[in-house]
Amino acid sequence: MAYKAEYIWIDGTEPTAKLRSKTKILEDGADLPIWGFDGSSTNQAPGDKSDCVLQPVFSCPDPIRGGDNVLVMCEVLTIDMQPHPSNTRAACAAVAEEFASQEPIFGIEQEYTFFKDGRPLGFPTGGFPAPQGGYYCGVGADEVFGRDIVEAHLDACIEAGLHISGINAEVMPGQWEFQIGPVAAPQVADELWVARWLLYRIAEAFEVAATLDPKPVKGDWNGAGAHTNFSTNAMRENYDAIIAACESLGKRVDEHIAGYGAEIEHRLTGLHETAPWSEYNYGVSDRGASVRIPWQVKEDGKGYIEDRRPNANCDPYVTTRLIIETCCSALAE
């Protein structure tokens, strides 16, 4: 009996790539083959040399179609089987392998915002709701909007076998968060991209759009981030490694900011639980810092750090690669 494989990939749209997908029908028991697509329609090839290759790298059960059907995250290759210029996973995988002995792991907090009819879900027509704050982890029809979509997405991620570890309503109406991890790179990024695809796909059925815009509403409203929690085996054993990791991140600020998502300066203003994008600092229990050391980590003398700078629209392959390169290189010295 045949089954359906939904091939998912990241396109070449700039400055923020989009997800694309299409369905392949395979015979029962058949392995997932490489496949092709028209790169001229995804900003990945010119029309006269349009073929690009999809290389499966991660698969999981398809919770929407059910049965034996699967979701397949793919890398994009050129026709000579080399990583396409838009392929950020290959570099992430190489760096993760280089520093595998340090056992780096991640937990990524993906914030996002629901939009309906051109405004955030829960915003009144032609106006604004009450100021932010009361909506965070709220309950009740006057504070929470889109919970039915969020619960459907959570169930789908669990059924898919993703390492989803929680959800919560955020500080603005229609704004939510889910967390993927703890898990190593590049798998944490594979799973986050699949979870994003499931979010878009499920919200589509409710005729609602989900956006990763880092500043979905201008003014006195929080932006949307992808706070990235990180540790190595040394950090999970002693506090000196925690401080060394924090210090190392301060030495490559421009490179990290450039790789943490488009329009990051609109979100990292120094207000709304952020540090300014052009500055770097770290502190214990400080949500206004670039990097936060949780208070329990300070108490225990070991654990992890939270890089609060990545945007909601960041590429998690790039984010995790940068953090591994920076922190693991320093910890290896």
C-alpha atoms as a PDB file:
ATOM      1  CA  MET A   1       0.000   0.000   0.000  1.00  0.00           C
ATOM      2  CA  ALA A   2       1.275   3.471  -0.832  1.00  0.00           C
ATOM      3  CA  TYR A   3       2.037   6.190   1.701  1.00  0.00           C
ATOM      4  CA  LYS A   4       2.443   9.969   1.466  1.00  0.00           C
ATOM      5  CA  ALA A   5       5.713  11.750   2.244  1.00  0.00           C
ATOM      6  CA  GLU A   6       5.529  15.519   2.644  1.00  0.00           C
ATOM      7  CA  TYR A   7       8.941  16.849   1.578  1.00  0.00           C
ATOM      8  CA  ILE A   8       9.682  20.128   3.413  1.00  0.00           C
ATOM      9  CA  TRP A   9      12.533  22.513   2.618  1.00  0.00           C
ATOM     10  CA  ILE A  10      13.779  26.048   3.178  1.00  0.00           C
ATOM     11  CA  ASP A  11      13.736  28.310   0.133  1.00  0.00           C
ATOM     12  CA  GLY A  12      16.055  31.111  -0.957  1.00  0.00           C
ATOM     13  CA  THR A  13      13.857  34.090  -0.106  1.00  0.00           C
ATOM     14  CA  GLU A  14      15.795  36.963   1.451  1.00  0.00           C
ATOM     15  CA  PRO A  15      16.202  38.380   4.014  1.00  0.00           C
ATOM     16  CA  THR A  16      14.023  35.715   5.666  1.00  0.00           C
ATOM     17  CA  ALA A  17      13.650  32.299   4.062  1.00  0.00           C
ATOM     18  CA  LYS A  18      10.248  30.635   3.713  1.00  0.00           C
ATOM     19  CA  LEU A  19       9.164  27.026   4.092  1.00  0.00           C
ATOM     20  CA  ARG A  20       8.031  25.086   1.050  1.00  0.00           C
ATOM     21  CA  SER A  21       6.646  21.551   0.760  1.00  0.00           C
ATOM     22  CA  LYS A  22       5.186  19.056  -1.695  1.00  0.00           C
ATOM     23  CA  THR A  23       3.914  15.486  -1.513  1.00  0.00           C
ATOM     24  CA  LYS A  24       5.538  12.354  -2.883  1.00  0.00           C
ATOM     25  CA  ILE A  25       3.687   9.015  -3.074  1.00  0.00           C
ATOM     26  CA  LEU A  26       5.867   6.033  -2.185  1.00  0.00           C
ATOM     27  CA  GLU A  27       5.275   2.303  -2.114  1.00  0.00           C
ATOM     28  CA  ASP A  28       4.922   0.672   1.291  1.00  0.00           C
ATOM     29  CA  GLY A  29       8.372   0.007   2.760  1.00  0.00           C
ATOM     30  CA  ALA A  30      10.191   2.181   0.230  1.00  0.00           C
ATOM     31  CA  ASP A  31      13.050   4.345   1.498  1.00  0.00           C
ATOM     32  CA  LEU A  32      12.863   8.114   1.158  1.00  0.00           C
ATOM     33  CA  PRO A  33      14.652   8.969  -2.105  1.00  0.00           C
ATOM     34  CA  ILE A  34      16.198  12.235  -3.174  1.00  0.00           C
ATOM     35  CA  TRP A  35      13.769  14.368  -5.146  1.00  0.00           C
ATOM     36  CA  GLY A  36      13.835  17.521  -7.223  1.00  0.00           C
ATOM     37  CA  PHE A  37      12.006  20.836  -7.538  1.00  0.00           C
ATOM     38  CA  ASP A  38      11.898  24.011  -9.587  1.00  0.00           C
ATOM     39  CA  GLY A  39      14.407  26.329  -7.928  1.00  0.00           C
ATOM     40  CA  SER A  40      13.439  29.183 -10.244  1.00  0.00           C
ATOM     41  CA  SER A  41      10.133  29.422  -8.355  1.00  0.00           C
ATOM     42  CA  THR A  42      11.764  29.435  -4.890  1.00  0.00           C
ATOM     43  CA  ASN A  43      14.542  32.011  -5.390  1.00  0.00           C
ATOM     44  CA  GLN A  44      17.118  29.220  -5.610  1.00  0.00           C
ATOM     45  CA  ALA A  45      17.944  28.920  -9.330  1.00  0.00           C
ATOM     46  CA  PRO A  46      17.642  30.740 -12.663  1.00  0.00           C
ATOM     47  CA  GLY A  47      15.035  29.551 -15.146  1.00  0.00           C
ATOM     48  CA  ASP A  48      17.555  28.075 -17.565  1.00  0.00           C
ATOM     49  CA  LYS A  49      19.196  25.957 -14.821  1.00  0.00           C
ATOM     50  CA  SER A  50      16.231  25.487 -12.541  1.00  0.00           C
ATOM     51  CA  ASP A  51      16.670  22.002 -11.074  1.00  0.00           C
ATOM     52  CA  CYS A  52      17.508  21.667  -7.373  1.00  0.00           C
ATOM     53  CA  VAL A  53      17.727  18.502  -5.278  1.00  0.00           C
ATOM     54  CA  LEU A  54      15.941  17.584  -2.033  1.00  0.00           C
ATOM     55  CA  GLN A  55      17.990  15.347   0.275  1.00  0.00           C
ATOM     56  CA  PRO A  56      15.965  13.900   3.196  1.00  0.00           C
ATOM     57  CA  VAL A  57      17.715  14.486   6.532  1.00  0.00           C
ATOM     58  CA  PHE A  58      14.970  14.054   9.145  1.00  0.00           C
ATOM     59  CA  SER A  59      11.567  12.376   9.089  1.00  0.00           C
ATOM     60  CA  CYS A  60       8.739  11.862  11.535  1.00  0.00           C
ATOM     61  CA  PRO A  61       5.131  10.645  11.521  1.00  0.00           C
ATOM     62  CA  ASP A  62       2.689  13.007   9.821  1.00  0.00           C
ATOM     63  CA  PRO A  63       0.145  13.889  12.546  1.00  0.00           C
ATOM     64  CA  ILE A  64      -2.197  15.582  10.075  1.00  0.00           C
ATOM     65  CA  ARG A  65      -2.590  12.768   7.548  1.00  0.00           C
ATOM     66  CA  GLY A  66      -1.971  10.011  10.090  1.00  0.00           C
ATOM     67  CA  GLY A  67      -1.421   6.380   9.181  1.00  0.00           C
ATOM     68  CA  ASP A  68       1.992   5.541   7.750  1.00  0.00           C
ATOM     69  CA  ASN A  69       2.409   8.982   6.224  1.00  0.00           C
ATOM     70  CA  VAL A  70       5.494  11.040   7.103  1.00  0.00           C
ATOM     71  CA  LEU A  71       6.901  14.549   7.188  1.00  0.00           C
ATOM     72  CA  VAL A  72      10.367  14.802   5.664  1.00  0.00           C
ATOM     73  CA  MET A  73      12.754  17.688   6.374  1.00  0.00           C
ATOM     74  CA  CYS A  74      15.200  18.095   3.510  1.00  0.00           C
ATOM     75  CA  GLU A  75      18.460  19.808   2.697  1.00  0.00           C
ATOM     76  CA  VAL A  76      18.672  21.554  -0.656  1.00  0.00           C
ATOM     77  CA  LEU A  77      21.539  20.418  -2.896  1.00  0.00           C
ATOM     78  CA  THR A  78      22.729  21.443  -6.333  1.00  0.00           C
ATOM     79  CA  ILE A  79      22.534  18.871  -9.119  1.00  0.00           C
ATOM     80  CA  ASP A  80      26.172  17.886  -8.435  1.00  0.00           C
ATOM     81  CA  MET A  81      25.064  16.857  -4.912  1.00  0.00           C
ATOM     82  CA  GLN A  82      26.779  19.757  -3.141  1.00  0.00           C
ATOM     83  CA  PRO A  83      25.071  22.002  -0.532  1.00  0.00           C
ATOM     84  CA  HIS A  84      23.090  24.734  -2.252  1.00  0.00           C
ATOM     85  CA  PRO A  85      24.131  28.310  -1.288  1.00  0.00           C
ATOM     86  CA  SER A  86      20.823  28.610   0.605  1.00  0.00           C
ATOM     87  CA  ASN A  87      21.551  25.393   2.553  1.00  0.00           C
ATOM     88  CA  THR A  88      22.501  26.452   6.082  1.00  0.00           C
ATOM     89  CA  ARG A  89      22.109  22.986   7.600  1.00  0.00           C
ATOM     90  CA  ALA A  90      25.305  21.554   6.094  1.00  0.00           C
ATOM     91  CA  ALA A  91      27.531  24.048   7.914  1.00  0.00           C
ATOM     92  CA  CYS A  92      25.598  23.533  11.150  1.00  0.00           C
ATOM     93  CA  ALA A  93      26.021  19.761  10.934  1.00  0.00           C
ATOM     94  CA  ALA A  94      29.765  20.115  10.265  1.00  0.00           C
ATOM     95  CA  VAL A  95      30.324  22.364  13.290  1.00  0.00           C
ATOM     96  CA  ALA A  96      28.197  20.118  15.504  1.00  0.00           C
ATOM     97  CA  GLU A  97      30.319  17.142  14.468  1.00  0.00           C
ATOM     98  CA  GLU A  98      33.557  19.061  15.064  1.00  0.00           C
ATOM     99  CA  PHE A  99      32.594  19.824  18.670  1.00  0.00           C
ATOM    100  CA  ALA A 100      30.591  16.662  19.373  1.00  0.00           C
ATOM    101  CA  SER A 101      32.868  15.712  22.267  1.00  0.00           C
ATOM    102  CA  GLN A 102      31.559  18.738  24.207  1.00  0.00           C
ATOM    103  CA  GLU A 103      27.994  17.425  23.831  1.00  0.00           C
ATOM    104  CA  PRO A 104      26.319  20.779  23.053  1.00  0.00           C
ATOM    105  CA  ILE A 105      22.538  20.746  23.437  1.00  0.00           C
ATOM    106  CA  PHE A 106      19.836  23.345  22.875  1.00  0.00           C
ATOM    107  CA  GLY A 107      16.332  24.319  23.877  1.00  0.00           C
ATOM    108  CA  ILE A 108      14.749  26.950  21.616  1.00  0.00           C
ATOM    109  CA  GLU A 109      11.749  29.056  22.679  1.00  0.00           C
ATOM    110  CA  GLN A 110       9.819  29.893  19.516  1.00  0.00           C
ATOM    111  CA  GLU A 111       7.548  32.917  19.860  1.00  0.00           C
ATOM    112  CA  TYR A 112       5.023  33.725  17.143  1.00  0.00           C
ATOM    113  CA  THR A 113       1.910  35.822  16.539  1.00  0.00           C
ATOM    114  CA  PHE A 114      -1.459  34.907  15.036  1.00  0.00           C
ATOM    115  CA  PHE A 115      -2.968  37.340  12.522  1.00  0.00           C
ATOM    116  CA  LYS A 116      -6.544  37.462  11.268  1.00  0.00           C
ATOM    117  CA  ASP A 117      -7.894  39.992   8.762  1.00  0.00           C
ATOM    118  CA  GLY A 118      -4.671  41.998   8.868  1.00  0.00           C
ATOM    119  CA  ARG A 119      -4.367  42.440  12.636  1.00  0.00           C
ATOM    120  CA  PRO A 120      -3.174  40.316  15.558  1.00  0.00           C
ATOM    121  CA  LEU A 121      -5.772  37.834  16.731  1.00  0.00           C
ATOM    122  CA  GLY A 122      -7.632  39.476  19.620  1.00  0.00           C
ATOM    123  CA  PHE A 123      -6.988  43.063  18.545  1.00  0.00           C
ATOM    124  CA  PRO A 124     -10.274  44.968  18.144  1.00  0.00           C
ATOM    125  CA  THR A 125     -11.159  46.377  14.735  1.00  0.00           C
ATOM    126  CA  GLY A 126      -9.673  49.833  14.284  1.00  0.00           C
ATOM    127  CA  GLY A 127      -8.075  50.027  17.721  1.00  0.00           C
ATOM    128  CA  PHE A 128      -5.892  48.478  20.362  1.00  0.00           C
ATOM    129  CA  PRO A 129      -6.573  46.187  23.314  1.00  0.00           C
ATOM    130  CA  ALA A 130      -5.572  46.894  26.911  1.00  0.00           C
ATOM    131  CA  PRO A 131      -1.794  47.224  27.426  1.00  0.00           C
ATOM    132  CA  GLN A 132       0.385  44.131  27.404  1.00  0.00           C
ATOM    133  CA  GLY A 133       1.135  42.128  30.507  1.00  0.00           C
ATOM    134  CA  GLY A 134      -2.120  40.548  31.606  1.00  0.00           C
ATOM    135  CA  TYR A 135      -2.154  38.262  28.604  1.00  0.00           C
ATOM    136  CA  TYR A 136       1.061  36.435  29.578  1.00  0.00           C
ATOM    137  CA  CYS A 137       0.158  32.875  30.615  1.00  0.00           C
ATOM    138  CA  GLY A 138      -3.404  34.177  30.862  1.00  0.00           C
ATOM    139  CA  VAL A 139      -6.730  32.403  30.926  1.00  0.00           C
ATOM    140  CA  GLY A 140     -10.169  33.549  29.817  1.00  0.00           C
ATOM    141  CA  ALA A 141     -11.747  34.746  26.597  1.00  0.00           C
ATOM    142  CA  ASP A 142     -10.793  38.367  27.344  1.00  0.00           C
ATOM    143  CA  GLU A 143      -7.087  37.545  27.643  1.00  0.00           C
ATOM    144  CA  VAL A 144      -6.319  34.528  25.458  1.00  0.00           C
ATOM    145  CA  PHE A 145      -6.859  34.215  21.708  1.00  0.00           C
ATOM    146  CA  GLY A 146      -6.102  31.232  19.502  1.00  0.00           C
ATOM    147  CA  ARG A 147      -5.835  28.542  22.157  1.00  0.00           C
ATOM    148  CA  ASP A 148      -7.675  26.009  19.979  1.00  0.00           C
ATOM    149  CA  ILE A 149      -4.955  26.359  17.321  1.00  0.00           C
ATOM    150  CA  VAL A 150      -2.182  26.186  19.909  1.00  0.00           C
ATOM    151  CA  GLU A 151      -3.562  23.003  21.474  1.00  0.00           C
ATOM    152  CA  ALA A 152      -3.978  21.384  18.052  1.00  0.00           C
ATOM    153  CA  HIS A 153      -0.374  22.289  17.234  1.00  0.00           C
ATOM    154  CA  LEU A 154       0.898  20.921  20.541  1.00  0.00           C
ATOM    155  CA  ASP A 155      -0.910  17.625  19.991  1.00  0.00           C
ATOM    156  CA  ALA A 156       0.452  17.414  16.451  1.00  0.00           C
ATOM    157  CA  CYS A 157       4.046  17.971  17.603  1.00  0.00           C
ATOM    158  CA  ILE A 158       3.660  15.261  20.262  1.00  0.00           C
ATOM    159  CA  GLU A 159       2.171  12.830  17.736  1.00  0.00           C
ATOM    160  CA  ALA A 160       5.049  13.596  15.375  1.00  0.00           C
ATOM    161  CA  GLY A 161       7.524  12.642  18.100  1.00  0.00           C
ATOM    162  CA  LEU A 162       9.157  16.067  18.239  1.00  0.00           C
ATOM    163  CA  HIS A 163      10.978  17.150  21.396  1.00  0.00           C
ATOM    164  CA  ILE A 164       8.348  19.772  22.228  1.00  0.00           C
ATOM    165  CA  SER A 165       8.631  20.663  25.894  1.00  0.00           C
ATOM    166  CA  GLY A 166       5.925  23.251  26.485  1.00  0.00           C
ATOM    167  CA  ILE A 167       3.671  26.109  25.357  1.00  0.00           C
ATOM    168  CA  ASN A 168       2.476  29.378  26.867  1.00  0.00           C
ATOM    169  CA  ALA A 169       0.590  32.533  25.953  1.00  0.00           C
ATOM    170  CA  GLU A 170       2.837  35.580  25.596  1.00  0.00           C
ATOM    171  CA  VAL A 171       2.471  39.213  26.655  1.00  0.00           C
ATOM    172  CA  MET A 172       0.482  40.456  23.649  1.00  0.00           C
ATOM    173  CA  PRO A 173      -2.916  39.195  22.488  1.00  0.00           C
ATOM    174  CA  GLY A 174      -2.523  36.550  19.794  1.00  0.00           C
ATOM    175  CA  GLN A 175       1.119  35.974  20.717  1.00  0.00           C
ATOM    176  CA  TRP A 176       2.278  32.523  21.835  1.00  0.00           C
ATOM    177  CA  GLU A 177       5.364  30.406  22.364  1.00  0.00           C
ATOM    178  CA  PHE A 178       6.367  26.773  22.084  1.00  0.00           C
ATOM    179  CA  GLN A 179       9.671  25.218  23.065  1.00  0.00           C
ATOM    180  CA  ILE A 180      11.713  22.547  21.285  1.00  0.00           C
ATOM    181  CA  GLY A 181      14.461  20.716  23.190  1.00  0.00           C
ATOM    182  CA  PRO A 182      16.672  19.879  24.871  1.00  0.00           C
ATOM    183  CA  VAL A 183      18.298  18.152  21.915  1.00  0.00           C
ATOM    184  CA  ALA A 184      21.541  18.428  19.947  1.00  0.00           C
ATOM    185  CA  ALA A 185      22.128  20.318  16.708  1.00  0.00           C
ATOM    186  CA  PRO A 186      21.332  19.998  13.884  1.00  0.00           C
ATOM    187  CA  GLN A 187      18.351  17.919  15.038  1.00  0.00           C
ATOM    188  CA  VAL A 188      16.973  20.705  17.253  1.00  0.00           C
ATOM    189  CA  ALA A 189      16.823  22.924  14.154  1.00  0.00           C
ATOM    190  CA  ASP A 190      15.334  20.131  12.024  1.00  0.00           C
ATOM    191  CA  GLU A 191      12.572  19.732  14.577  1.00  0.00           C
ATOM    192  CA  LEU A 192      11.990  23.464  14.956  1.00  0.00           C
ATOM    193  CA  TRP A 193      11.536  23.855  11.203  1.00  0.00           C
ATOM    194  CA  VAL A 194       9.085  20.930  11.146  1.00  0.00           C
ATOM    195  CA  ALA A 195       7.230  22.418  14.134  1.00  0.00           C
ATOM    196  CA  ARG A 196       7.018  25.745  12.290  1.00  0.00           C
ATOM    197  CA  TRP A 197       5.607  23.959   9.231  1.00  0.00           C
ATOM    198  CA  LEU A 198       3.005  22.245  11.409  1.00  0.00           C
ATOM    199  CA  LEU A 199       2.083  25.584  12.984  1.00  0.00           C
ATOM    200  CA  TYR A 200       1.490  27.210   9.606  1.00  0.00           C
ATOM    201  CA  ARG A 201      -0.376  24.179   8.291  1.00  0.00           C
ATOM    202  CA  ILE A 202      -2.687  23.844  11.295  1.00  0.00           C
ATOM    203  CA  ALA A 203      -3.386  27.589  11.518  1.00  0.00           C
ATOM    204  CA  GLU A 204      -4.246  27.468   7.813  1.00  0.00           C
ATOM    205  CA  ALA A 205      -7.135  25.137   8.631  1.00  0.00           C
ATOM    206  CA  PHE A 206      -8.476  27.785  11.051  1.00  0.00           C
ATOM    207  CA  GLU A 207      -8.064  30.518   8.409  1.00  0.00           C
ATOM    208  CA  VAL A 208      -5.511  32.235  10.637  1.00  0.00           C
ATOM    209  CA  ALA A 209      -1.938  33.172   9.700  1.00  0.00           C
ATOM    210  CA  ALA A 210       1.009  32.579  12.032  1.00  0.00           C
ATOM    211  CA  THR A 211       3.927  34.992  11.644  1.00  0.00           C
ATOM    212  CA  LEU A 212       7.477  35.029  12.990  1.00  0.00           C
ATOM    213  CA  ASP A 213       7.753  38.801  12.492  1.00  0.00           C
ATOM    214  CA  PRO A 214      10.143  39.988  15.235  1.00  0.00           C
ATOM    215  CA  LYS A 215       8.132  43.178  15.809  1.00  0.00           C
ATOM    216  CA  PRO A 216       4.583  42.387  14.689  1.00  0.00           C
ATOM    217  CA  VAL A 217       3.124  45.537  16.279  1.00  0.00           C
ATOM    218  CA  LYS A 218       5.103  48.748  16.532  1.00  0.00           C
ATOM    219  CA  GLY A 219       5.063  50.738  19.748  1.00  0.00           C
ATOM    220  CA  ASP A 220       4.828  49.618  23.355  1.00  0.00           C
ATOM    221  CA  TRP A 221       4.539  45.900  22.634  1.00  0.00           C
ATOM    222  CA  ASN A 222       7.073  43.132  23.035  1.00  0.00           C
ATOM    223  CA  GLY A 223       8.621  41.718  19.910  1.00  0.00           C
ATOM    224  CA  ALA A 224       8.870  38.007  19.151  1.00  0.00           C
ATOM    225  CA  GLY A 225      12.082  36.110  19.778  1.00  0.00           C
ATOM    226  CA  ALA A 226      13.574  32.650  19.686  1.00  0.00           C
ATOM    227  CA  HIS A 227      15.430  32.637  22.998  1.00  0.00           C
ATOM    228  CA  THR A 228      18.062  29.934  22.705  1.00  0.00           C
ATOM    229  CA  ASN A 229      19.126  27.920  25.735  1.00  0.00           C
ATOM    230  CA  PHE A 230      22.504  26.231  25.453  1.00  0.00           C
ATOM    231  CA  SER A 231      24.888  24.055  27.419  1.00  0.00           C
ATOM    232  CA  THR A 232      27.883  21.766  26.994  1.00  0.00           C
ATOM    233  CA  ASN A 233      29.052  18.927  29.215  1.00  0.00           C
ATOM    234  CA  ALA A 234      31.464  21.329  30.947  1.00  0.00           C
ATOM    235  CA  MET A 235      28.694  23.881  31.553  1.00  0.00           C
ATOM    236  CA  ARG A 236      26.531  21.146  33.017  1.00  0.00           C
ATOM    237  CA  GLU A 237      29.315  20.404  35.505  1.00  0.00           C
ATOM    238  CA  ASN A 238      30.800  23.732  36.641  1.00  0.00           C
ATOM    239  CA  TYR A 239      30.064  27.455  36.811  1.00  0.00           C
ATOM    240  CA  ASP A 240      33.415  28.584  35.415  1.00  0.00           C
ATOM    241  CA  ALA A 241      32.367  27.134  32.055  1.00  0.00           C
ATOM    242  CA  ILE A 242      29.086  29.088  32.269  1.00  0.00           C
ATOM    243  CA  ILE A 243      31.007  32.342  32.646  1.00  0.00           C
ATOM    244  CA  ALA A 244      33.483  31.380  29.928  1.00  0.00           C
ATOM    245  CA  ALA A 245      30.605  30.778  27.500  1.00  0.00           C
ATOM    246  CA  CYS A 246      29.020  34.134  28.367  1.00  0.00           C
ATOM    247  CA  GLU A 247      32.331  35.940  27.918  1.00  0.00           C
ATOM    248  CA  SER A 248      32.957  34.256  24.566  1.00  0.00           C
ATOM    249  CA  LEU A 249      29.614  35.414  23.164  1.00  0.00           C
ATOM    250  CA  GLY A 250      30.646  39.000  23.894  1.00  0.00           C
ATOM    251  CA  LYS A 251      33.643  38.691  21.559  1.00  0.00           C
ATOM    252  CA  ARG A 252      31.645  38.012  18.361  1.00  0.00           C
ATOM    253  CA  VAL A 253      28.648  40.290  18.842  1.00  0.00           C
ATOM    254  CA  ASP A 254      28.374  41.649  15.293  1.00  0.00           C
ATOM    255  CA  GLU A 255      28.556  38.188  13.718  1.00  0.00           C
ATOM    256  CA  HIS A 256      25.828  36.820  15.988  1.00  0.00           C
ATOM    257  CA  ILE A 257      23.537  39.820  15.522  1.00  0.00           C
ATOM    258  CA  ALA A 258      23.912  39.512  11.738  1.00  0.00           C
ATOM    259  CA  GLY A 259      22.927  35.839  11.925  1.00  0.00           C
ATOM    260  CA  TYR A 260      20.068  36.067  14.412  1.00  0.00           C
ATOM    261  CA  GLY A 261      17.301  37.190  12.060  1.00  0.00           C
ATOM    262  CA  ALA A 262      16.288  40.096   9.834  1.00  0.00           C
ATOM    263  CA  GLU A 263      15.181  43.406  11.391  1.00  0.00           C
ATOM    264  CA  ILE A 264      16.688  42.470  14.734  1.00  0.00           C
ATOM    265  CA  GLU A 265      17.247  46.148  15.512  1.00  0.00           C
ATOM    266  CA  HIS A 266      13.453  46.649  15.589  1.00  0.00           C
ATOM    267  CA  ARG A 267      13.160  44.169  18.445  1.00  0.00           C
ATOM    268  CA  LEU A 268      16.425  44.581  20.379  1.00  0.00           C
ATOM    269  CA  THR A 269      15.879  48.177  21.418  1.00  0.00           C
ATOM    270  CA  GLY A 270      16.845  47.984  25.077  1.00  0.00           C
ATOM    271  CA  LEU A 271      13.146  48.020  25.995  1.00  0.00           C
ATOM    272  CA  HIS A 272      10.553  45.248  26.330  1.00  0.00           C
ATOM    273  CA  GLU A 273      12.850  42.712  28.006  1.00  0.00           C
ATOM    274  CA  THR A 274      15.726  43.161  25.563  1.00  0.00           C
ATOM    275  CA  ALA A 275      19.235  44.550  25.530  1.00  0.00           C
ATOM    276  CA  PRO A 276      20.168  46.968  22.720  1.00  0.00           C
ATOM    277  CA  TRP A 277      21.269  45.109  19.584  1.00  0.00           C
ATOM    278  CA  SER A 278      24.527  47.097  19.458  1.00  0.00           C
ATOM    279  CA  GLU A 279      25.592  46.233  23.015  1.00  0.00           C
ATOM    280  CA  TYR A 280      26.348  43.013  24.877  1.00  0.00           C
ATOM    281  CA  ASN A 281      25.973  42.063  28.513  1.00  0.00           C
ATOM    282  CA  TYR A 282      25.045  39.072  30.618  1.00  0.00           C
ATOM    283  CA  GLY A 283      23.616  38.676  34.086  1.00  0.00           C
ATOM    284  CA  VAL A 284      21.926  36.367  36.525  1.00  0.00           C
ATOM    285  CA  SER A 285      18.118  36.365  36.240  1.00  0.00           C
ATOM    286  CA  ASP A 286      18.269  39.465  34.003  1.00  0.00           C
ATOM    287  CA  ARG A 287      15.742  39.404  31.158  1.00  0.00           C
ATOM    288  CA  GLY A 288      17.055  42.756  30.006  1.00  0.00           C
ATOM    289  CA  ALA A 289      20.467  41.235  29.325  1.00  0.00           C
ATOM    290  CA  SER A 290      21.763  39.861  26.042  1.00  0.00           C
ATOM    291  CA  VAL A 291      22.420  36.553  27.779  1.00  0.00           C
ATOM    292  CA  ARG A 292      20.649  35.452  30.944  1.00  0.00           C
ATOM    293  CA  ILE A 293      22.064  33.048  33.504  1.00  0.00           C
ATOM    294  CA  PRO A 294      19.040  31.514  35.267  1.00  0.00           C
ATOM    295  CA  TRP A 295      19.105  31.999  39.023  1.00  0.00           C
ATOM    296  CA  GLN A 296      18.964  28.255  39.604  1.00  0.00           C
ATOM    297  CA  VAL A 297      22.124  27.846  37.542  1.00  0.00           C
ATOM    298  CA  LYS A 298      23.903  30.329  39.814  1.00  0.00           C
ATOM    299  CA  GLU A 299      22.590  28.487  42.881  1.00  0.00           C
ATOM    300  CA  ASP A 300      23.603  25.062  41.550  1.00  0.00           C
ATOM    301  CA  GLY A 301      26.927  26.226  40.144  1.00  0.00           C
ATOM    302  CA  LYS A 302      26.220  24.528  36.797  1.00  0.00           C
ATOM    303  CA  GLY A 303      23.610  24.298  34.046  1.00  0.00           C
ATOM    304  CA  TYR A 304      22.935  26.400  30.943  1.00  0.00           C
ATOM    305  CA  ILE A 305      22.643  29.936  29.574  1.00  0.00           C
ATOM    306  CA  GLU A 306      19.896  31.681  27.596  1.00  0.00           C
ATOM    307  CA  ASP A 307      20.879  33.786  24.607  1.00  0.00           C
ATOM    308  CA  ARG A 308      17.926  36.176  24.415  1.00  0.00           C
ATOM    309  CA  ARG A 309      18.973  37.869  21.189  1.00  0.00           C
ATOM    310  CA  PRO A 310      17.808  35.547  18.372  1.00  0.00           C
ATOM    311  CA  ASN A 311      14.694  36.746  16.556  1.00  0.00           C
ATOM    312  CA  ALA A 312      11.580  34.647  16.103  1.00  0.00           C
ATOM    313  CA  ASN A 313      12.424  34.631  12.379  1.00  0.00           C
ATOM    314  CA  CYS A 314      15.984  33.381  12.860  1.00  0.00           C
ATOM    315  CA  ASP A 315      17.278  30.345  10.994  1.00  0.00           C
ATOM    316  CA  PRO A 316      17.958  27.856  13.819  1.00  0.00           C
ATOM    317  CA  TYR A 317      20.680  26.174  11.758  1.00  0.00           C
ATOM    318  CA  VAL A 318      22.570  29.482  11.724  1.00  0.00           C
ATOM    319  CA  THR A 319      21.798  30.308  15.355  1.00  0.00           C
ATOM    320  CA  THR A 320      22.967  26.979  16.732  1.00  0.00           C
ATOM    321  CA  ARG A 321      26.045  26.925  14.492  1.00  0.00           C
ATOM    322  CA  LEU A 322      27.143  30.349  15.689  1.00  0.00           C
ATOM    323  CA  ILE A 323      26.668  29.471  19.357  1.00  0.00           C
ATOM    324  CA  ILE A 324      28.543  26.165  19.029  1.00  0.00           C
ATOM    325  CA  GLU A 325      31.399  27.809  17.114  1.00  0.00           C
ATOM    326  CA  THR A 326      31.748  30.645  19.600  1.00  0.00           C
ATOM    327  CA  CYS A 327      31.235  28.884  22.908  1.00  0.00           C
ATOM    328  CA  CYS A 328      32.784  25.501  22.175  1.00  0.00           C
ATOM    329  CA  SER A 329      35.889  27.078  20.648  1.00  0.00           C
ATOM    330  CA  ALA A 330      36.373  29.122  23.824  1.00  0.00           C
ATOM    331  CA  LEU A 331      35.713  26.183  26.135  1.00  0.00           C
ATOM    332  CA  ALA A 332      38.218  24.077  24.208  1.00  0.00           C
ATOM    333  CA  GLU A 333      41.043  26.542  24.898  1.00  0.00           C
END
